[in-house]
Amino acid sequence: MGYYLIEGGKPISGEFAVRGSKNAALPILAATLLAEDEVVLENCPLIRDFYLTLDILRELGCRVELTGRTAVIDTRQIQDVKIREETVQKMRSSILFLGALLGRERKAILGHPGGCAIGERPIDIHLKAFEKMGVEIIEEDGLFYCEAPHILGYHIYLNYPSVGATENILLLAVKAEGVTVIHNAAREPEIVALVRFLRACGAEIYGEGTPSIMIEGVKKLHGAYFSIPFDRIEAGTFLCASAMTGGELYLTGIEKNDIETTLEALVKTGCQFNMEADRIWMKPPKELKSGFSLVTGPFPGFPTDMQPLMMSLLTLAKGTCMISETVFEARFRHADELCRMGADIVIEDRVAQIKGCGGLHGAEVFGRDLRGGAALLIAALAAEGKSTVYGSEYVERGYEKIEDALSLLGGNVRLME
């Protein structure tokens, strides 16, 4: 198990160019299977999950070339429709290959997806939608055997605006016969990015970013050039790190509308912002303030991925804040670790009460998921003394060399493997 060594007390300040989005890049990589020509993706995030997804494409027989942040993917020589169980267990987003393979080859074999242990994330919502669209599914020995001789358009009503289900249905529907409408669709910026990529390849899709998305099936998709949009969670992570440590931060390459709820929460703590085109400047207050409530929810609500980072920040804010986690029931696993650093947090069911503790101290703590690990890392930056944050392999799934970026911005962070 890798870990980070952090010496706290140094402001995180300066200028940082936000990298490409993990949550946008992974479904777009799966979507390249639908293109019958070469695809070029720019601004790719060089993170562990991105490399794992490229490995899946290679295992299926695709040609993949990565130069810097540009990936060239040619799926024309695809040779397989089965994704190895070991690969699937490493990454939740591998489930998206089910829709892509069915759309491309009309069959797919896939195991139960893995990922961070942040609560139940059932895939039945995906499978029920697929069956309505003509997919035959047999589960045997932990594998899903799926075939779709004819994929038919259908009106799909989601009981929850699931991001993964919306993405998977999109991937299947673009090659279906007729029209598919996803009602109560997820509205996250990553959904918009996937639709724009598919449209660049020739798909006919309307309504992205709204609760209803209409897809007119096409017979063929071509290649495209596409740039992965910025990572709104990485942007929020660095803003929280800067606010906690008292530094001023300039972020470039962002879209304000995509991080508006995060900015609103930071404004409530006393942070000041100035926006210029795709650039934002943040100045934290001398003393962070609390006394408000946050409730996570689907976009445009407060993002569940930002909840652990905001909890870290609020441990230093004067007053009391309540955070209600409505998306994942096991997403407070980092709270006990923050308390080992001196935080005052009480959890009752899916509500956390955070009282400002005045200051954190260094400790040995364990990150058990991607965002929880990042939350502990930025807490250590603001803590007095030295800290060890175990579980770097989780953090590396979604952040590209975060230790280097934070060190360049004034922090003292080392990755030990």
Protein backbone atom coordinates (compact mmCIF):
# COMPACT_ATOMS: atom_id res chain seq x y z
CA MET A 1 0.00 0.00 0.00
CA GLY A 2 1.43 3.37 -1.02
CA TYR A 3 1.22 6.45 1.17
CA TYR A 4 1.84 10.18 1.27
CA LEU A 5 4.15 11.98 3.67
CA ILE A 6 2.95 15.53 4.31
CA GLU A 7 4.36 18.35 6.35
CA GLY A 8 1.51 20.74 7.07
CA GLY A 9 1.30 24.46 7.63
CA LYS A 10 2.36 25.72 4.21
CA PRO A 11 -0.08 27.77 2.07
CA ILE A 12 -1.25 26.27 -1.22
CA SER A 13 -1.09 29.22 -3.60
CA GLY A 14 -0.20 30.18 -7.13
CA GLU A 15 -1.55 29.23 -10.56
CA PHE A 16 -2.84 25.83 -11.59
CA ALA A 17 -4.17 24.60 -14.94
CA VAL A 18 -6.96 22.10 -14.24
CA ARG A 19 -6.50 18.84 -16.13
CA GLY A 20 -9.00 16.76 -18.11
CA SER A 21 -11.96 15.21 -16.31
CA LYS A 22 -11.77 11.63 -15.08
CA ASN A 23 -15.55 11.29 -15.02
CA ALA A 24 -15.84 12.57 -18.59
CA ALA A 25 -12.88 10.71 -20.07
CA LEU A 26 -13.81 7.18 -18.99
CA PRO A 27 -17.28 6.99 -20.63
CA ILE A 28 -15.91 8.69 -23.75
CA LEU A 29 -13.18 6.03 -23.98
CA ALA A 30 -15.88 3.35 -23.83
CA ALA A 31 -17.83 5.25 -26.50
CA THR A 32 -14.90 5.04 -28.93
CA LEU A 33 -15.92 1.41 -29.51
CA LEU A 34 -18.95 2.70 -31.42
CA ALA A 35 -16.88 4.66 -33.94
CA GLU A 36 -15.91 2.87 -37.14
CA ASP A 37 -12.86 5.02 -37.66
CA GLU A 38 -9.97 6.54 -35.74
CA VAL A 39 -10.74 8.75 -32.74
CA VAL A 40 -8.36 11.38 -31.33
CA LEU A 41 -8.90 12.53 -27.75
CA GLU A 42 -6.99 15.52 -26.41
CA ASN A 43 -6.50 16.82 -22.85
CA CYS A 44 -6.67 13.31 -21.41
CA PRO A 45 -6.13 12.89 -17.64
CA LEU A 46 -3.06 10.74 -17.01
CA ILE A 47 -4.49 8.89 -14.03
CA ARG A 48 -4.70 5.24 -13.01
CA ASP A 49 -8.31 4.71 -14.16
CA PHE A 50 -7.54 6.25 -17.55
CA TYR A 51 -4.66 3.80 -18.10
CA LEU A 52 -6.84 0.88 -16.95
CA THR A 53 -9.50 1.87 -19.49
CA LEU A 54 -6.91 2.01 -22.26
CA ASP A 55 -5.85 -1.50 -21.24
CA ILE A 56 -9.45 -2.69 -21.64
CA LEU A 57 -9.54 -1.27 -25.16
CA ARG A 58 -6.25 -3.01 -25.97
CA GLU A 59 -7.55 -6.33 -24.55
CA LEU A 60 -10.54 -6.06 -26.88
CA GLY A 61 -8.18 -5.71 -29.86
CA CYS A 62 -8.18 -1.94 -30.37
CA ARG A 63 -5.08 -0.03 -31.40
CA VAL A 64 -4.24 2.59 -28.80
CA GLU A 65 -1.48 5.20 -28.95
CA LEU A 66 -0.87 7.75 -26.21
CA THR A 67 1.42 10.72 -26.79
CA GLY A 68 1.48 13.22 -23.97
CA ARG A 69 -2.19 13.97 -23.25
CA THR A 70 -3.42 12.90 -26.69
CA ALA A 71 -4.83 9.41 -27.24
CA VAL A 72 -5.42 7.95 -30.70
CA ILE A 73 -7.81 5.00 -30.68
CA ASP A 74 -8.69 2.75 -33.62
CA THR A 75 -11.39 0.18 -32.83
CA ARG A 76 -11.78 -1.25 -36.33
CA GLN A 77 -9.90 -4.45 -35.47
CA ILE A 78 -11.86 -5.31 -32.32
CA GLN A 79 -11.49 -9.04 -31.66
CA ASP A 80 -13.29 -9.79 -28.41
CA VAL A 81 -16.50 -8.96 -26.54
CA LYS A 82 -15.44 -10.18 -23.09
CA ILE A 83 -13.79 -8.05 -20.46
CA ARG A 84 -11.68 -10.01 -17.98
CA GLU A 85 -13.12 -10.26 -14.49
CA GLU A 86 -9.89 -9.01 -12.86
CA THR A 87 -10.07 -5.85 -14.95
CA VAL A 88 -13.73 -5.21 -14.21
CA GLN A 89 -13.18 -5.57 -10.45
CA LYS A 90 -10.69 -2.71 -10.43
CA MET A 91 -12.96 -0.02 -11.81
CA ARG A 92 -16.66 0.81 -11.55
CA SER A 93 -16.83 2.59 -14.89
CA SER A 94 -16.02 -0.65 -16.74
CA ILE A 95 -19.80 -1.29 -16.72
CA LEU A 96 -20.05 1.29 -19.53
CA PHE A 97 -18.38 -1.16 -21.89
CA LEU A 98 -21.56 -3.21 -21.71
CA GLY A 99 -23.60 -0.61 -23.59
CA ALA A 100 -20.75 0.18 -25.97
CA LEU A 101 -20.02 -3.47 -26.86
CA LEU A 102 -23.70 -4.25 -27.36
CA GLY A 103 -24.07 -1.22 -29.60
CA ARG A 104 -21.03 -2.24 -31.61
CA GLU A 105 -21.07 -6.07 -31.67
CA ARG A 106 -24.59 -6.90 -30.40
CA LYS A 107 -23.06 -9.04 -27.64
CA ALA A 108 -20.95 -8.59 -24.52
CA ILE A 109 -19.65 -10.58 -21.54
CA LEU A 110 -18.87 -8.69 -18.37
CA GLY A 111 -18.45 -9.37 -14.65
CA HIS A 112 -19.73 -7.32 -11.74
CA PRO A 113 -17.89 -3.98 -11.71
CA GLY A 114 -15.74 -2.95 -8.77
CA GLY A 115 -14.56 0.51 -7.67
CA CYS A 116 -14.47 2.45 -4.42
CA ALA A 117 -16.45 1.06 -1.45
CA ILE A 118 -18.66 4.10 -0.86
CA GLY A 119 -21.97 2.27 -0.71
CA GLU A 120 -24.33 0.17 -2.79
CA ARG A 121 -24.24 1.02 -6.49
CA PRO A 122 -26.53 -1.57 -8.09
CA ILE A 123 -26.50 -1.98 -11.84
CA ASP A 124 -30.06 -3.29 -12.07
CA ILE A 125 -31.19 0.10 -13.37
CA HIS A 126 -28.84 -0.42 -16.35
CA LEU A 127 -29.94 -3.99 -16.99
CA LYS A 128 -33.68 -3.30 -16.78
CA ALA A 129 -33.33 -0.53 -19.36
CA PHE A 130 -31.30 -2.81 -21.63
CA GLU A 131 -33.92 -5.57 -21.48
CA LYS A 132 -36.63 -3.11 -22.53
CA MET A 133 -34.48 -2.26 -25.55
CA GLY A 134 -34.18 -5.88 -26.65
CA VAL A 135 -31.09 -7.13 -24.80
CA GLU A 136 -31.16 -10.72 -23.58
CA ILE A 137 -29.23 -11.07 -20.32
CA ILE A 138 -28.13 -14.26 -18.56
CA GLU A 139 -26.21 -14.11 -15.29
CA GLU A 140 -24.05 -17.15 -14.66
CA ASP A 141 -21.05 -17.69 -12.36
CA GLY A 142 -20.75 -13.98 -11.64
CA LEU A 143 -20.76 -13.00 -15.33
CA PHE A 144 -23.38 -11.22 -17.43
CA TYR A 145 -23.84 -12.78 -20.87
CA CYS A 146 -25.66 -10.26 -23.04
CA GLU A 147 -26.92 -10.48 -26.61
CA ALA A 148 -29.01 -8.06 -28.63
CA PRO A 149 -29.99 -9.32 -32.10
CA HIS A 150 -32.16 -6.21 -32.47
CA ILE A 151 -31.73 -3.08 -30.37
CA LEU A 152 -34.97 -1.13 -30.35
CA GLY A 153 -35.59 2.44 -29.24
CA TYR A 154 -37.70 2.82 -26.11
CA HIS A 155 -38.95 5.38 -23.61
CA ILE A 156 -36.87 4.73 -20.48
CA TYR A 157 -38.06 6.18 -17.16
CA LEU A 158 -35.28 6.22 -14.57
CA ASN A 159 -36.42 6.13 -10.94
CA TYR A 160 -33.22 8.02 -10.07
CA PRO A 161 -31.10 10.24 -12.35
CA SER A 162 -28.18 7.81 -12.33
CA VAL A 163 -25.12 9.08 -14.19
CA GLY A 164 -23.85 5.60 -15.06
CA ALA A 165 -27.24 4.36 -16.25
CA THR A 166 -27.80 7.48 -18.37
CA GLU A 167 -24.37 7.02 -19.97
CA ASN A 168 -24.89 3.30 -20.62
CA ILE A 169 -28.31 3.82 -22.18
CA LEU A 170 -26.88 6.56 -24.38
CA LEU A 171 -24.15 4.20 -25.60
CA LEU A 172 -26.69 1.52 -26.47
CA ALA A 173 -29.32 3.84 -27.94
CA VAL A 174 -27.13 5.60 -30.51
CA LYS A 175 -27.09 2.40 -32.63
CA ALA A 176 -30.67 1.33 -31.87
CA GLU A 177 -33.51 1.17 -34.37
CA GLY A 178 -35.84 4.10 -33.83
CA VAL A 179 -35.99 6.70 -31.09
CA THR A 180 -35.02 6.34 -27.43
CA VAL A 181 -35.98 8.89 -24.79
CA ILE A 182 -34.37 8.86 -21.35
CA HIS A 183 -36.72 10.45 -18.83
CA ASN A 184 -35.30 11.69 -15.51
CA ALA A 185 -31.86 11.55 -17.10
CA ALA A 186 -28.73 12.65 -15.25
CA ARG A 187 -27.77 16.24 -16.08
CA GLU A 188 -24.11 16.26 -15.00
CA PRO A 189 -21.51 18.05 -17.17
CA GLU A 190 -19.98 14.63 -17.88
CA ILE A 191 -23.25 13.57 -19.55
CA VAL A 192 -23.08 16.69 -21.71
CA ALA A 193 -19.47 15.87 -22.64
CA LEU A 194 -20.37 12.31 -23.66
CA VAL A 195 -23.26 13.52 -25.82
CA ARG A 196 -21.04 16.10 -27.51
CA PHE A 197 -18.46 13.44 -28.29
CA LEU A 198 -21.09 11.08 -29.71
CA ARG A 199 -22.56 13.93 -31.74
CA ALA A 200 -19.07 14.71 -33.10
CA CYS A 201 -19.03 11.08 -34.30
CA GLY A 202 -22.37 11.48 -36.10
CA ALA A 203 -24.93 10.60 -33.41
CA GLU A 204 -28.34 12.30 -33.34
CA ILE A 205 -28.95 13.29 -29.71
CA TYR A 206 -30.97 16.16 -28.26
CA GLY A 207 -31.58 17.56 -24.79
CA GLU A 208 -28.34 16.88 -22.95
CA GLY A 209 -28.17 18.80 -19.69
CA THR A 210 -31.96 18.51 -19.25
CA PRO A 211 -34.07 15.77 -17.59
CA SER A 212 -35.11 14.34 -20.98
CA ILE A 213 -32.63 13.19 -23.62
CA MET A 214 -33.80 12.00 -27.03
CA ILE A 215 -31.64 9.72 -29.17
CA GLU A 216 -32.40 8.91 -32.80
CA GLY A 217 -30.52 5.73 -33.66
CA VAL A 218 -28.05 5.79 -36.54
CA LYS A 219 -26.48 2.92 -38.45
CA LYS A 220 -22.92 4.15 -38.32
CA LEU A 221 -20.66 6.46 -36.32
CA HIS A 222 -17.41 7.87 -37.70
CA GLY A 223 -14.23 9.03 -36.00
CA ALA A 224 -13.72 12.44 -34.46
CA TYR A 225 -11.34 14.83 -32.73
CA PHE A 226 -12.47 15.74 -29.24
CA SER A 227 -10.99 17.54 -26.23
CA ILE A 228 -11.83 16.22 -22.76
CA PRO A 229 -13.33 19.04 -20.62
CA PHE A 230 -11.83 20.15 -17.31
CA ASP A 231 -12.20 18.13 -14.12
CA ARG A 232 -14.61 20.01 -11.87
CA ILE A 233 -13.77 17.81 -8.86
CA GLU A 234 -10.04 18.39 -9.25
CA ALA A 235 -10.78 22.12 -9.43
CA GLY A 236 -12.84 21.93 -6.24
CA THR A 237 -10.16 19.88 -4.49
CA PHE A 238 -7.46 22.48 -5.12
CA LEU A 239 -9.79 25.32 -4.13
CA CYS A 240 -10.48 23.59 -0.81
CA ALA A 241 -6.78 22.92 -0.25
CA SER A 242 -5.98 26.58 -0.86
CA ALA A 243 -8.81 27.86 1.36
CA MET A 244 -7.79 25.55 4.23
CA THR A 245 -4.16 26.62 4.13
CA GLY A 246 -4.75 30.35 3.61
CA GLY A 247 -3.34 30.64 0.09
CA GLU A 248 -4.60 32.57 -2.93
CA LEU A 249 -5.19 30.41 -5.99
CA TYR A 250 -5.61 31.04 -9.72
CA LEU A 251 -7.28 28.22 -11.67
CA THR A 252 -7.28 28.18 -15.46
CA GLY A 253 -9.17 26.15 -18.02
CA ILE A 254 -12.48 25.93 -16.15
CA GLU A 255 -16.17 26.56 -16.83
CA LYS A 256 -17.86 28.45 -13.98
CA ASN A 257 -21.31 26.94 -14.54
CA ASP A 258 -19.98 23.43 -13.93
CA ILE A 259 -18.63 24.24 -10.45
CA GLU A 260 -21.20 26.80 -9.37
CA THR A 261 -22.49 24.87 -6.34
CA THR A 262 -18.93 24.32 -5.09
CA LEU A 263 -18.19 28.04 -5.46
CA GLU A 264 -21.43 28.90 -3.64
CA ALA A 265 -20.42 26.68 -0.70
CA LEU A 266 -16.96 28.25 -0.55
CA VAL A 267 -18.47 31.74 -0.63
CA LYS A 268 -20.48 30.80 2.47
CA THR A 269 -17.20 30.04 4.24
CA GLY A 270 -15.96 33.56 3.43
CA CYS A 271 -13.92 32.91 0.29
CA GLN A 272 -13.88 35.63 -2.38
CA PHE A 273 -13.82 34.94 -6.11
CA ASN A 274 -13.15 36.80 -9.33
CA MET A 275 -13.93 35.23 -12.72
CA GLU A 276 -12.33 36.08 -16.06
CA ALA A 277 -13.39 33.91 -19.01
CA ASP A 278 -12.00 30.45 -18.18
CA ARG A 279 -9.95 31.68 -15.24
CA ILE A 280 -10.85 32.06 -11.57
CA TRP A 281 -9.07 33.72 -8.66
CA MET A 282 -9.84 32.81 -5.06
CA LYS A 283 -8.87 34.59 -1.86
CA PRO A 284 -9.74 32.85 1.42
CA PRO A 285 -10.83 34.75 4.56
CA LYS A 286 -8.58 35.14 7.58
CA GLU A 287 -11.01 32.85 9.39
CA LEU A 288 -13.25 30.32 7.64
CA LYS A 289 -16.92 30.53 8.58
CA SER A 290 -19.57 27.85 8.96
CA GLY A 291 -23.18 27.90 10.18
CA PHE A 292 -24.89 26.51 7.08
CA SER A 293 -26.02 23.15 5.71
CA LEU A 294 -25.05 21.15 2.62
CA VAL A 295 -27.07 18.42 0.97
CA THR A 296 -25.48 16.31 -1.76
CA GLY A 297 -27.55 15.43 -4.80
CA PRO A 298 -27.58 14.98 -8.56
CA PHE A 299 -26.46 17.91 -10.69
CA PRO A 300 -27.13 20.82 -10.34
CA GLY A 301 -27.09 19.93 -6.63
CA PHE A 302 -23.96 19.84 -4.51
CA PRO A 303 -21.77 17.01 -5.89
CA THR A 304 -21.27 13.97 -3.70
CA ASP A 305 -17.66 13.78 -4.93
CA MET A 306 -17.00 17.18 -3.31
CA GLN A 307 -18.55 16.24 0.04
CA PRO A 308 -15.38 14.74 1.61
CA LEU A 309 -13.30 17.75 0.51
CA MET A 310 -15.76 20.25 1.95
CA MET A 311 -15.94 18.25 5.17
CA SER A 312 -12.17 18.62 5.52
CA LEU A 313 -12.43 22.37 5.02
CA LEU A 314 -15.30 22.74 7.47
CA THR A 315 -13.29 21.14 10.29
CA LEU A 316 -11.40 24.45 10.40
CA ALA A 317 -14.42 26.75 9.99
CA LYS A 318 -15.87 28.71 12.92
CA GLY A 319 -19.33 27.40 13.77
CA THR A 320 -21.24 24.22 12.97
CA CYS A 321 -22.21 22.80 9.60
CA MET A 322 -24.53 19.91 8.76
CA ILE A 323 -23.84 17.75 5.70
CA SER A 324 -26.52 15.35 4.46
CA GLU A 325 -25.27 12.65 2.09
CA THR A 326 -28.18 11.55 -0.10
CA VAL A 327 -26.28 9.76 -2.87
CA PHE A 328 -24.04 7.11 -1.27
CA GLU A 329 -24.76 5.69 2.16
CA ALA A 330 -21.15 4.82 3.01
CA ARG A 331 -19.48 8.06 2.05
CA PHE A 332 -18.50 9.26 5.53
CA ARG A 333 -15.67 6.75 5.97
CA HIS A 334 -13.12 9.57 6.04
CA ALA A 335 -14.79 11.27 9.03
CA ASP A 336 -13.24 8.98 11.67
CA GLU A 337 -9.82 9.59 10.14
CA LEU A 338 -10.32 13.37 10.26
CA CYS A 339 -11.21 13.00 13.95
CA ARG A 340 -7.83 11.33 14.50
CA MET A 341 -6.36 14.64 13.30
CA GLY A 342 -8.41 16.61 15.85
CA ALA A 343 -11.66 17.22 13.95
CA ASP A 344 -14.99 17.37 15.78
CA ILE A 345 -17.43 15.35 13.65
CA VAL A 346 -20.49 13.43 14.73
CA ILE A 347 -22.21 11.06 12.29
CA GLU A 348 -25.81 9.98 12.63
CA ASP A 349 -27.07 7.81 9.81
CA ARG A 350 -26.42 9.87 6.65
CA VAL A 351 -25.98 13.25 8.34
CA ALA A 352 -22.66 14.64 9.59
CA GLN A 353 -22.34 17.48 12.10
CA ILE A 354 -19.00 19.27 11.80
CA LYS A 355 -17.92 21.72 14.48
CA GLY A 356 -14.92 23.90 13.76
CA CYS A 357 -12.07 22.60 15.89
CA GLY A 358 -9.71 25.57 15.51
CA GLY A 359 -6.87 23.48 14.14
CA LEU A 360 -5.81 20.01 13.02
CA HIS A 361 -2.67 18.11 14.00
CA GLY A 362 -0.63 15.60 12.08
CA ALA A 363 -1.47 11.90 12.34
CA GLU A 364 -1.34 8.56 10.57
CA VAL A 365 -4.62 8.15 8.68
CA PHE A 366 -6.05 5.76 6.10
CA GLY A 367 -7.85 6.73 2.90
CA ARG A 368 -10.27 4.00 1.81
CA ASP A 369 -11.68 5.55 -1.35
CA LEU A 370 -10.71 8.12 -3.96
CA ARG A 371 -12.30 11.33 -2.65
CA GLY A 372 -11.94 10.36 1.01
CA GLY A 373 -8.21 9.89 0.47
CA ALA A 374 -7.95 13.30 -1.20
CA ALA A 375 -9.88 14.85 1.71
CA LEU A 376 -7.34 13.47 4.18
CA LEU A 377 -4.49 14.69 2.02
CA ILE A 378 -5.68 18.30 2.01
CA ALA A 379 -6.44 18.08 5.75
CA ALA A 380 -2.83 17.06 6.30
CA LEU A 381 -1.68 20.10 4.32
CA ALA A 382 -3.53 22.34 6.79
CA ALA A 383 -2.55 20.38 9.91
CA GLU A 384 0.25 21.27 12.30
CA GLY A 385 3.16 18.86 12.02
CA LYS A 386 3.69 15.77 9.88
CA SER A 387 1.09 13.33 8.62
CA THR A 388 1.06 10.02 6.82
CA VAL A 389 -1.92 9.32 4.55
CA TYR A 390 -2.15 5.68 3.49
CA GLY A 391 -4.09 4.49 0.47
CA SER A 392 -2.40 6.50 -2.27
CA GLU A 393 -3.60 3.94 -4.83
CA TYR A 394 -7.14 5.23 -4.35
CA VAL A 395 -6.12 8.86 -4.81
CA GLU A 396 -4.11 8.01 -7.94
CA ARG A 397 -7.28 6.65 -9.54
CA GLY A 398 -8.57 10.20 -9.98
CA TYR A 399 -5.72 12.67 -9.52
CA GLU A 400 -2.68 12.99 -11.73
CA LYS A 401 0.49 13.22 -9.63
CA ILE A 402 -1.32 15.29 -7.01
CA GLU A 403 1.81 15.26 -4.84
CA ASP A 404 3.77 17.11 -7.55
CA ALA A 405 1.01 19.63 -8.22
CA LEU A 406 0.56 20.46 -4.53
CA SER A 407 4.32 20.73 -4.01
CA LEU A 408 4.60 23.16 -6.93
CA LEU A 409 1.90 25.25 -5.25
CA GLY A 410 3.89 25.43 -2.02
CA GLY A 411 2.96 22.24 -0.18
CA ASN A 412 5.32 19.60 1.14
CA VAL A 413 4.00 16.28 -0.14
CA ARG A 414 5.88 13.12 -1.03
CA LEU A 415 4.51 9.89 -2.47
CA MET A 416 6.07 6.73 -1.04
CA GLU A 417 5.46 3.43 -2.85
